[in-house]
Amino acid sequence: MTRRDFFRFATAALSALIGLVVAVPGVAFIVSPLRKRDRHESFETLTRLNQLEVAVPRSFTIIQDRHDAWVKYPREPVGSVWLIRQPDGSDPPVYALTSECPHLGCAVNLAPGGKGFLCPCHTSAFDLEGKPQNRVPPRPMDRLEVEMTKGDDPEVRVKFQRFRTQSEEKIPLV
């Protein structure tokens, strides 16, 4: 190997090493949001059990941070849920229904008289357990996971999740 060939080889090797040192962190930065599965697997504390009346639905807004690939949004409302307390001795003592209509995603409100839910967009109607009362919605209102802390006045915590609309199956959105 001549001296000139050695310098060509050394220059090419050094250039490749520098390119690799610069490219690896750049590629990792670009690909990292795509590898993360930042689903909100945590429960949100909404209220205490004693603040809920038996069989009286109460709406709560869910406020969370959102991440969309490379953009991080500040805490903002992402949805709401209906909490309904059941009579003492029931299991579970509280259940949660998402306030998004499974028909087209409109906000479900409490019906006049408070004996059910009504979606004002296309007249979807549900009873207090979320079961459809007419043929408009493709499935019942979506139930969410609820956990209670220990103690005399436990906190009611809900795992908020959204589901695909216009589907007979309850399919979570990522």
N, C-alpha and C. Protein backbone atom coordinates (compact mmCIF):
# COMPACT_ATOMS: atom_id res chain seq x y z
N MET A 1 0.87 -1.16 0.00
CA MET A 1 0.00 0.00 0.00
C MET A 1 0.92 1.23 0.00
N THR A 2 0.62 2.10 -0.92
CA THR A 2 1.43 3.32 -1.00
C THR A 2 0.93 4.32 0.03
N ARG A 3 1.76 5.32 0.22
CA ARG A 3 1.41 6.36 1.17
C ARG A 3 0.13 7.08 0.74
N ARG A 4 0.00 7.33 -0.55
CA ARG A 4 -1.17 8.01 -1.08
C ARG A 4 -2.43 7.17 -0.86
N ASP A 5 -2.37 5.85 -1.08
CA ASP A 5 -3.50 4.96 -0.84
C ASP A 5 -3.88 4.92 0.63
N PHE A 6 -2.88 4.94 1.50
CA PHE A 6 -3.14 4.96 2.94
C PHE A 6 -3.93 6.22 3.33
N PHE A 7 -3.51 7.39 2.82
CA PHE A 7 -4.21 8.64 3.16
C PHE A 7 -5.64 8.65 2.59
N ARG A 8 -5.84 8.09 1.40
CA ARG A 8 -7.20 7.98 0.85
C ARG A 8 -8.08 7.11 1.75
N PHE A 9 -7.54 5.96 2.11
CA PHE A 9 -8.28 5.04 2.97
C PHE A 9 -8.57 5.68 4.33
N ALA A 10 -7.56 6.33 4.93
CA ALA A 10 -7.74 6.97 6.24
C ALA A 10 -8.76 8.10 6.16
N THR A 11 -8.73 8.88 5.08
CA THR A 11 -9.68 9.98 4.91
C THR A 11 -11.11 9.43 4.76
N ALA A 12 -11.27 8.39 3.98
CA ALA A 12 -12.60 7.79 3.79
C ALA A 12 -13.11 7.20 5.10
N ALA A 13 -12.25 6.51 5.85
CA ALA A 13 -12.65 5.91 7.12
C ALA A 13 -13.03 6.99 8.13
N LEU A 14 -12.23 8.05 8.21
CA LEU A 14 -12.52 9.14 9.14
C LEU A 14 -13.82 9.86 8.76
N SER A 15 -14.05 10.06 7.46
CA SER A 15 -15.30 10.70 6.99
C SER A 15 -16.51 9.84 7.34
N ALA A 16 -16.38 8.52 7.15
CA ALA A 16 -17.48 7.62 7.48
C ALA A 16 -17.76 7.63 8.98
N LEU A 17 -16.71 7.66 9.80
CA LEU A 17 -16.88 7.70 11.25
C LEU A 17 -17.56 8.99 11.69
N ILE A 18 -17.16 10.12 11.15
CA ILE A 18 -17.78 11.41 11.50
C ILE A 18 -19.24 11.41 11.04
N GLY A 19 -19.51 10.91 9.83
CA GLY A 19 -20.89 10.83 9.34
C GLY A 19 -21.75 9.95 10.23
N LEU A 20 -21.19 8.85 10.69
CA LEU A 20 -21.93 7.96 11.58
C LEU A 20 -22.21 8.61 12.93
N VAL A 21 -21.22 9.32 13.46
CA VAL A 21 -21.39 10.00 14.75
C VAL A 21 -22.49 11.06 14.66
N VAL A 22 -22.62 11.72 13.53
CA VAL A 22 -23.65 12.74 13.36
C VAL A 22 -25.01 12.11 13.02
N ALA A 23 -25.00 11.06 12.21
CA ALA A 23 -26.26 10.48 11.72
C ALA A 23 -27.02 9.68 12.78
N VAL A 24 -26.33 8.93 13.63
CA VAL A 24 -27.01 8.07 14.61
C VAL A 24 -27.90 8.87 15.55
N PRO A 25 -27.41 9.93 16.20
CA PRO A 25 -28.31 10.69 17.07
C PRO A 25 -29.45 11.37 16.30
N GLY A 26 -29.15 11.82 15.06
CA GLY A 26 -30.20 12.45 14.25
C GLY A 26 -31.32 11.48 13.92
N VAL A 27 -30.98 10.28 13.51
CA VAL A 27 -31.98 9.26 13.20
C VAL A 27 -32.73 8.85 14.46
N ALA A 28 -32.01 8.71 15.58
CA ALA A 28 -32.67 8.36 16.84
C ALA A 28 -33.67 9.43 17.25
N PHE A 29 -33.32 10.70 17.06
CA PHE A 29 -34.22 11.80 17.40
C PHE A 29 -35.48 11.75 16.55
N ILE A 30 -35.32 11.49 15.27
CA ILE A 30 -36.47 11.48 14.36
C ILE A 30 -37.37 10.27 14.62
N VAL A 31 -36.80 9.14 14.93
CA VAL A 31 -37.57 7.90 15.08
C VAL A 31 -38.14 7.73 16.49
N SER A 32 -37.57 8.37 17.50
CA SER A 32 -37.98 8.13 18.89
C SER A 32 -39.47 8.34 19.16
N PRO A 33 -40.12 9.39 18.65
CA PRO A 33 -41.56 9.51 18.92
C PRO A 33 -42.38 8.39 18.31
N LEU A 34 -41.91 7.82 17.24
CA LEU A 34 -42.65 6.74 16.60
C LEU A 34 -42.55 5.45 17.39
N ARG A 35 -41.48 5.29 18.15
CA ARG A 35 -41.31 4.08 18.95
C ARG A 35 -42.06 4.16 20.27
N LYS A 36 -42.29 5.35 20.76
CA LYS A 36 -42.96 5.50 22.05
C LYS A 36 -44.43 5.20 21.93
N ARG A 37 -44.94 4.50 22.90
CA ARG A 37 -46.38 4.27 23.01
C ARG A 37 -46.83 5.03 24.24
N ASP A 38 -47.05 6.32 24.07
CA ASP A 38 -47.40 7.16 25.21
C ASP A 38 -48.90 7.19 25.41
N ARG A 39 -49.47 6.05 25.71
CA ARG A 39 -50.89 6.00 26.02
C ARG A 39 -51.05 6.36 27.48
N HIS A 40 -52.12 7.03 27.76
CA HIS A 40 -52.37 7.39 29.15
C HIS A 40 -52.93 6.16 29.86
N GLU A 41 -52.02 5.42 30.48
CA GLU A 41 -52.41 4.21 31.20
C GLU A 41 -52.73 4.53 32.65
N SER A 42 -52.71 5.79 33.00
CA SER A 42 -52.92 6.16 34.39
C SER A 42 -54.38 6.50 34.64
N PHE A 43 -54.74 6.39 35.90
CA PHE A 43 -56.09 6.73 36.33
C PHE A 43 -56.12 8.19 36.76
N GLU A 44 -57.20 8.88 36.43
CA GLU A 44 -57.40 10.28 36.81
C GLU A 44 -58.32 10.34 38.02
N THR A 45 -57.89 11.04 39.06
CA THR A 45 -58.74 11.23 40.24
C THR A 45 -59.78 12.29 39.91
N LEU A 46 -61.06 11.95 40.08
CA LEU A 46 -62.13 12.88 39.72
C LEU A 46 -62.86 13.47 40.92
N THR A 47 -63.12 12.65 41.93
CA THR A 47 -63.90 13.13 43.07
C THR A 47 -63.75 12.12 44.22
N ARG A 48 -64.46 12.39 45.29
CA ARG A 48 -64.53 11.43 46.40
C ARG A 48 -65.93 10.80 46.38
N LEU A 49 -66.03 9.59 46.91
CA LEU A 49 -67.27 8.84 46.86
C LEU A 49 -68.42 9.57 47.54
N ASN A 50 -68.16 10.22 48.67
CA ASN A 50 -69.23 10.92 49.40
C ASN A 50 -69.77 12.14 48.67
N GLN A 51 -69.08 12.60 47.64
CA GLN A 51 -69.56 13.75 46.87
C GLN A 51 -70.53 13.35 45.76
N LEU A 52 -70.75 12.05 45.60
CA LEU A 52 -71.68 11.56 44.59
C LEU A 52 -72.97 11.10 45.25
N GLU A 53 -74.10 11.46 44.67
CA GLU A 53 -75.40 11.00 45.16
C GLU A 53 -75.76 9.70 44.45
N VAL A 54 -76.46 8.83 45.15
CA VAL A 54 -76.86 7.54 44.58
C VAL A 54 -77.82 7.76 43.41
N ALA A 55 -77.52 7.11 42.27
CA ALA A 55 -78.34 7.12 41.06
C ALA A 55 -78.52 8.50 40.43
N VAL A 56 -77.62 9.45 40.75
CA VAL A 56 -77.66 10.78 40.14
C VAL A 56 -76.38 10.95 39.32
N PRO A 57 -76.48 10.90 37.99
CA PRO A 57 -75.29 11.04 37.15
C PRO A 57 -74.66 12.42 37.31
N ARG A 58 -73.33 12.42 37.31
CA ARG A 58 -72.59 13.68 37.43
C ARG A 58 -71.45 13.67 36.42
N SER A 59 -71.32 14.75 35.68
CA SER A 59 -70.31 14.86 34.62
C SER A 59 -69.01 15.44 35.17
N PHE A 60 -67.88 14.88 34.70
CA PHE A 60 -66.56 15.36 35.07
C PHE A 60 -65.71 15.51 33.81
N THR A 61 -65.00 16.62 33.73
CA THR A 61 -64.09 16.88 32.60
C THR A 61 -62.75 16.22 32.87
N ILE A 62 -62.19 15.59 31.85
CA ILE A 62 -60.86 14.97 31.94
C ILE A 62 -59.86 15.93 31.34
N ILE A 63 -58.85 16.30 32.13
CA ILE A 63 -57.81 17.21 31.68
C ILE A 63 -56.48 16.46 31.71
N GLN A 64 -55.80 16.40 30.55
CA GLN A 64 -54.56 15.65 30.45
C GLN A 64 -53.57 16.38 29.54
N ASP A 65 -52.29 15.98 29.67
CA ASP A 65 -51.28 16.38 28.69
C ASP A 65 -51.49 15.51 27.47
N ARG A 66 -51.20 16.06 26.30
CA ARG A 66 -51.28 15.26 25.07
C ARG A 66 -49.94 15.32 24.36
N HIS A 67 -49.59 14.22 23.72
CA HIS A 67 -48.38 14.14 22.91
C HIS A 67 -48.79 13.67 21.53
N ASP A 68 -48.37 14.39 20.52
CA ASP A 68 -48.67 14.03 19.14
C ASP A 68 -47.36 13.99 18.37
N ALA A 69 -46.75 12.81 18.27
CA ALA A 69 -45.44 12.62 17.65
C ALA A 69 -44.42 13.53 18.33
N TRP A 70 -44.04 14.64 17.72
CA TRP A 70 -43.00 15.49 18.30
C TRP A 70 -43.56 16.66 19.09
N VAL A 71 -44.86 16.87 19.07
CA VAL A 71 -45.46 18.03 19.72
C VAL A 71 -46.05 17.61 21.06
N LYS A 72 -45.73 18.38 22.11
CA LYS A 72 -46.32 18.15 23.43
C LYS A 72 -47.25 19.32 23.73
N TYR A 73 -48.51 19.01 23.97
CA TYR A 73 -49.51 20.04 24.24
C TYR A 73 -49.66 20.20 25.75
N PRO A 74 -49.97 21.41 26.21
CA PRO A 74 -50.18 21.61 27.66
C PRO A 74 -51.48 20.93 28.11
N ARG A 75 -51.65 20.86 29.43
CA ARG A 75 -52.87 20.24 29.99
C ARG A 75 -54.09 20.97 29.44
N GLU A 76 -55.01 20.18 28.91
CA GLU A 76 -56.23 20.74 28.33
C GLU A 76 -57.33 19.68 28.41
N PRO A 77 -58.60 20.10 28.31
CA PRO A 77 -59.69 19.12 28.33
C PRO A 77 -59.61 18.19 27.12
N VAL A 78 -59.68 16.88 27.37
CA VAL A 78 -59.64 15.89 26.29
C VAL A 78 -60.93 15.10 26.19
N GLY A 79 -61.85 15.32 27.11
CA GLY A 79 -63.12 14.61 27.11
C GLY A 79 -63.81 14.75 28.45
N SER A 80 -64.89 14.01 28.60
CA SER A 80 -65.59 14.02 29.88
C SER A 80 -66.24 12.66 30.10
N VAL A 81 -66.58 12.41 31.36
CA VAL A 81 -67.21 11.14 31.73
C VAL A 81 -68.39 11.41 32.64
N TRP A 82 -69.30 10.46 32.66
CA TRP A 82 -70.43 10.47 33.59
C TRP A 82 -70.13 9.46 34.68
N LEU A 83 -70.20 9.87 35.94
CA LEU A 83 -70.07 8.96 37.07
C LEU A 83 -71.44 8.76 37.69
N ILE A 84 -71.78 7.50 37.96
CA ILE A 84 -73.05 7.17 38.59
C ILE A 84 -72.76 6.28 39.79
N ARG A 85 -73.16 6.76 40.96
CA ARG A 85 -72.98 5.98 42.18
C ARG A 85 -74.14 5.02 42.32
N GLN A 86 -73.83 3.79 42.70
CA GLN A 86 -74.84 2.77 42.91
C GLN A 86 -75.17 2.69 44.40
N PRO A 87 -76.27 2.04 44.76
CA PRO A 87 -76.63 1.91 46.18
C PRO A 87 -75.52 1.21 46.97
N ASP A 88 -75.47 1.49 48.27
CA ASP A 88 -74.46 0.88 49.13
C ASP A 88 -74.53 -0.63 49.03
N GLY A 89 -73.36 -1.27 49.03
CA GLY A 89 -73.29 -2.72 48.94
C GLY A 89 -73.18 -3.23 47.52
N SER A 90 -73.31 -2.35 46.53
CA SER A 90 -73.19 -2.76 45.13
C SER A 90 -71.72 -2.89 44.76
N ASP A 91 -71.47 -3.74 43.79
CA ASP A 91 -70.10 -3.89 43.30
C ASP A 91 -70.11 -3.72 41.79
N PRO A 92 -69.50 -2.74 41.24
CA PRO A 92 -68.72 -1.70 41.89
C PRO A 92 -69.63 -0.62 42.46
N PRO A 93 -69.11 0.17 43.41
CA PRO A 93 -69.95 1.22 44.00
C PRO A 93 -70.21 2.38 43.05
N VAL A 94 -69.33 2.55 42.06
CA VAL A 94 -69.47 3.63 41.07
C VAL A 94 -69.09 3.06 39.71
N TYR A 95 -69.82 3.46 38.67
CA TYR A 95 -69.39 3.12 37.31
C TYR A 95 -69.30 4.40 36.51
N ALA A 96 -68.45 4.34 35.46
CA ALA A 96 -68.18 5.51 34.62
C ALA A 96 -68.56 5.21 33.18
N LEU A 97 -69.20 6.17 32.55
CA LEU A 97 -69.56 6.08 31.14
C LEU A 97 -68.92 7.27 30.42
N THR A 98 -68.34 7.01 29.26
CA THR A 98 -67.80 8.12 28.48
C THR A 98 -68.96 8.97 27.96
N SER A 99 -68.76 10.25 27.85
CA SER A 99 -69.84 11.13 27.41
C SER A 99 -69.86 11.30 25.90
N GLU A 100 -69.08 10.50 25.19
CA GLU A 100 -69.05 10.56 23.73
C GLU A 100 -70.00 9.52 23.16
N CYS A 101 -70.92 9.96 22.32
CA CYS A 101 -71.93 9.07 21.75
C CYS A 101 -71.26 8.06 20.81
N PRO A 102 -71.57 6.77 20.93
CA PRO A 102 -70.98 5.77 20.05
C PRO A 102 -71.49 5.85 18.60
N HIS A 103 -72.51 6.68 18.37
CA HIS A 103 -73.04 6.82 17.01
C HIS A 103 -72.11 7.67 16.16
N LEU A 104 -71.96 8.96 16.50
CA LEU A 104 -71.10 9.85 15.72
C LEU A 104 -70.18 10.70 16.58
N GLY A 105 -70.09 10.42 17.87
CA GLY A 105 -69.12 11.11 18.72
C GLY A 105 -69.58 12.42 19.33
N CYS A 106 -70.85 12.75 19.22
CA CYS A 106 -71.35 13.98 19.84
C CYS A 106 -71.36 13.81 21.37
N ALA A 107 -71.48 14.92 22.08
CA ALA A 107 -71.52 14.88 23.54
C ALA A 107 -72.90 14.41 24.01
N VAL A 108 -72.89 13.42 24.87
CA VAL A 108 -74.13 12.88 25.43
C VAL A 108 -74.47 13.67 26.69
N ASN A 109 -75.70 14.16 26.75
CA ASN A 109 -76.16 14.95 27.89
C ASN A 109 -77.16 14.16 28.72
N LEU A 110 -77.41 14.66 29.90
CA LEU A 110 -78.44 14.07 30.76
C LEU A 110 -79.80 14.43 30.17
N ALA A 111 -80.67 13.44 30.04
CA ALA A 111 -82.01 13.67 29.48
C ALA A 111 -82.85 14.47 30.47
N PRO A 112 -83.86 15.18 29.99
CA PRO A 112 -84.76 15.88 30.90
C PRO A 112 -85.36 14.90 31.91
N GLY A 113 -85.36 15.27 33.15
CA GLY A 113 -85.86 14.40 34.20
C GLY A 113 -84.75 13.59 34.84
N GLY A 114 -83.57 13.51 34.22
CA GLY A 114 -82.43 12.83 34.80
C GLY A 114 -82.54 11.32 34.85
N LYS A 115 -83.43 10.72 34.06
CA LYS A 115 -83.62 9.27 34.10
C LYS A 115 -82.91 8.55 32.95
N GLY A 116 -82.05 9.25 32.24
CA GLY A 116 -81.32 8.65 31.13
C GLY A 116 -80.43 9.68 30.47
N PHE A 117 -79.87 9.30 29.33
CA PHE A 117 -78.98 10.18 28.57
C PHE A 117 -79.54 10.37 27.18
N LEU A 118 -79.23 11.53 26.60
CA LEU A 118 -79.73 11.86 25.28
C LEU A 118 -78.61 12.55 24.49
N CYS A 119 -78.42 12.13 23.25
CA CYS A 119 -77.48 12.78 22.36
C CYS A 119 -78.27 13.72 21.47
N PRO A 120 -78.02 15.02 21.53
CA PRO A 120 -78.82 15.97 20.78
C PRO A 120 -78.57 15.95 19.27
N CYS A 121 -77.49 15.35 18.82
CA CYS A 121 -77.16 15.37 17.39
C CYS A 121 -78.12 14.53 16.55
N HIS A 122 -78.35 13.28 16.97
CA HIS A 122 -79.17 12.37 16.17
C HIS A 122 -80.15 11.59 17.03
N THR A 123 -80.51 12.12 18.16
CA THR A 123 -81.50 11.57 19.11
C THR A 123 -81.18 10.17 19.62
N SER A 124 -79.90 9.85 19.78
CA SER A 124 -79.54 8.60 20.44
C SER A 124 -79.99 8.73 21.89
N ALA A 125 -80.61 7.68 22.42
CA ALA A 125 -81.10 7.70 23.79
C ALA A 125 -80.56 6.49 24.53
N PHE A 126 -80.22 6.70 25.82
CA PHE A 126 -79.65 5.64 26.65
C PHE A 126 -80.27 5.71 28.03
N ASP A 127 -80.33 4.55 28.73
CA ASP A 127 -80.79 4.58 30.11
C ASP A 127 -79.60 4.92 31.01
N LEU A 128 -79.79 4.94 32.32
CA LEU A 128 -78.71 5.33 33.24
C LEU A 128 -77.56 4.33 33.27
N GLU A 129 -77.75 3.14 32.77
CA GLU A 129 -76.65 2.17 32.69
C GLU A 129 -75.94 2.24 31.35
N GLY A 130 -76.40 3.12 30.46
CA GLY A 130 -75.77 3.30 29.16
C GLY A 130 -76.33 2.42 28.06
N LYS A 131 -77.39 1.67 28.34
CA LYS A 131 -77.99 0.78 27.33
C LYS A 131 -78.83 1.62 26.36
N PRO A 132 -78.76 1.31 25.06
CA PRO A 132 -79.52 2.09 24.07
C PRO A 132 -81.03 1.93 24.27
N GLN A 133 -81.75 3.02 24.09
CA GLN A 133 -83.20 3.02 24.22
C GLN A 133 -83.89 3.16 22.87
N ASN A 134 -83.10 3.33 21.80
CA ASN A 134 -83.65 3.35 20.44
C ASN A 134 -82.62 2.70 19.51
N ARG A 135 -82.90 2.67 18.22
CA ARG A 135 -82.04 1.95 17.28
C ARG A 135 -80.94 2.82 16.68
N VAL A 136 -80.80 4.06 17.09
CA VAL A 136 -79.81 4.95 16.49
C VAL A 136 -78.37 4.56 16.86
N PRO A 137 -78.02 4.39 18.13
CA PRO A 137 -76.62 4.08 18.44
C PRO A 137 -76.28 2.62 18.11
N PRO A 138 -75.08 2.37 17.62
CA PRO A 138 -74.70 1.00 17.26
C PRO A 138 -74.37 0.11 18.45
N ARG A 139 -74.11 0.71 19.63
CA ARG A 139 -73.76 -0.06 20.83
C ARG A 139 -74.10 0.79 22.05
N PRO A 140 -74.03 0.21 23.25
CA PRO A 140 -74.26 1.00 24.46
C PRO A 140 -73.17 2.05 24.65
N MET A 141 -73.41 2.97 25.57
CA MET A 141 -72.37 3.94 25.94
C MET A 141 -71.17 3.15 26.48
N ASP A 142 -69.98 3.65 26.23
CA ASP A 142 -68.77 2.93 26.60
C ASP A 142 -68.46 3.11 28.08
N ARG A 143 -68.29 1.96 28.76
CA ARG A 143 -67.90 1.98 30.17
C ARG A 143 -66.39 2.11 30.28
N LEU A 144 -65.97 2.80 31.32
CA LEU A 144 -64.55 2.99 31.58
C LEU A 144 -64.16 2.30 32.88
N GLU A 145 -62.89 1.97 32.99
CA GLU A 145 -62.39 1.34 34.22
C GLU A 145 -62.42 2.34 35.36
N VAL A 146 -62.87 1.89 36.53
CA VAL A 146 -62.92 2.72 37.72
C VAL A 146 -62.18 1.99 38.83
N GLU A 147 -61.38 2.75 39.58
CA GLU A 147 -60.75 2.18 40.78
C GLU A 147 -61.00 3.11 41.95
N MET A 148 -61.08 2.53 43.12
CA MET A 148 -61.34 3.29 44.34
C MET A 148 -60.13 3.14 45.25
N THR A 149 -59.73 4.24 45.90
CA THR A 149 -58.67 4.16 46.88
C THR A 149 -59.24 3.60 48.18
N LYS A 150 -58.39 3.22 49.09
CA LYS A 150 -58.82 2.69 50.38
C LYS A 150 -59.17 3.85 51.31
N GLY A 151 -60.01 3.57 52.30
CA GLY A 151 -60.33 4.58 53.30
C GLY A 151 -61.82 4.77 53.48
N ASP A 152 -62.15 5.66 54.44
CA ASP A 152 -63.56 5.94 54.75
C ASP A 152 -64.25 6.69 53.62
N ASP A 153 -63.54 7.65 53.01
CA ASP A 153 -64.08 8.43 51.90
C ASP A 153 -63.14 8.25 50.71
N PRO A 154 -63.26 7.12 49.99
CA PRO A 154 -62.29 6.83 48.93
C PRO A 154 -62.40 7.79 47.74
N GLU A 155 -61.25 7.97 47.08
CA GLU A 155 -61.23 8.74 45.84
C GLU A 155 -61.74 7.85 44.71
N VAL A 156 -62.47 8.45 43.79
CA VAL A 156 -62.95 7.75 42.60
C VAL A 156 -61.99 8.11 41.48
N ARG A 157 -61.35 7.09 40.91
CA ARG A 157 -60.36 7.28 39.85
C ARG A 157 -60.82 6.56 38.60
N VAL A 158 -60.67 7.22 37.45
CA VAL A 158 -61.15 6.68 36.18
C VAL A 158 -60.00 6.64 35.17
N LYS A 159 -59.93 5.55 34.42
CA LYS A 159 -58.97 5.41 33.32
C LYS A 159 -59.68 5.87 32.05
N PHE A 160 -59.38 7.09 31.62
CA PHE A 160 -60.08 7.68 30.46
C PHE A 160 -59.54 7.08 29.16
N GLN A 161 -60.47 6.78 28.27
CA GLN A 161 -60.12 6.21 26.98
C GLN A 161 -61.21 6.58 25.99
N ARG A 162 -60.82 6.74 24.73
CA ARG A 162 -61.80 7.02 23.69
C ARG A 162 -61.92 5.79 22.79
N PHE A 163 -63.11 5.65 22.15
CA PHE A 163 -63.39 4.48 21.34
C PHE A 163 -63.91 4.91 19.97
N ARG A 164 -63.75 4.03 19.01
CA ARG A 164 -64.19 4.29 17.64
C ARG A 164 -65.70 4.42 17.60
N THR A 165 -66.17 5.41 16.86
CA THR A 165 -67.62 5.60 16.69
C THR A 165 -68.10 4.80 15.49
N GLN A 166 -69.40 4.68 15.33
CA GLN A 166 -70.07 3.99 14.23
C GLN A 166 -69.64 2.53 14.11
N SER A 167 -69.35 1.93 15.24
CA SER A 167 -68.94 0.53 15.25
C SER A 167 -69.75 -0.22 16.31
N GLU A 168 -70.15 -1.44 15.99
CA GLU A 168 -70.88 -2.23 16.97
C GLU A 168 -69.96 -2.77 18.06
N GLU A 169 -68.65 -2.81 17.76
CA GLU A 169 -67.67 -3.27 18.75
C GLU A 169 -67.01 -2.08 19.43
N LYS A 170 -66.60 -2.29 20.64
CA LYS A 170 -65.91 -1.26 21.42
C LYS A 170 -64.42 -1.34 21.08
N ILE A 171 -63.96 -0.50 20.15
CA ILE A 171 -62.57 -0.53 19.65
C ILE A 171 -61.85 0.72 20.16
N PRO A 172 -60.82 0.55 21.02
CA PRO A 172 -60.10 1.71 21.55
C PRO A 172 -59.34 2.46 20.47
N LEU A 173 -59.32 3.77 20.60
CA LEU A 173 -58.48 4.61 19.73
C LEU A 173 -57.12 4.75 20.37
N VAL A 174 -56.09 4.73 19.57
CA VAL A 174 -54.72 4.82 20.10
C VAL A 174 -54.35 6.26 20.31
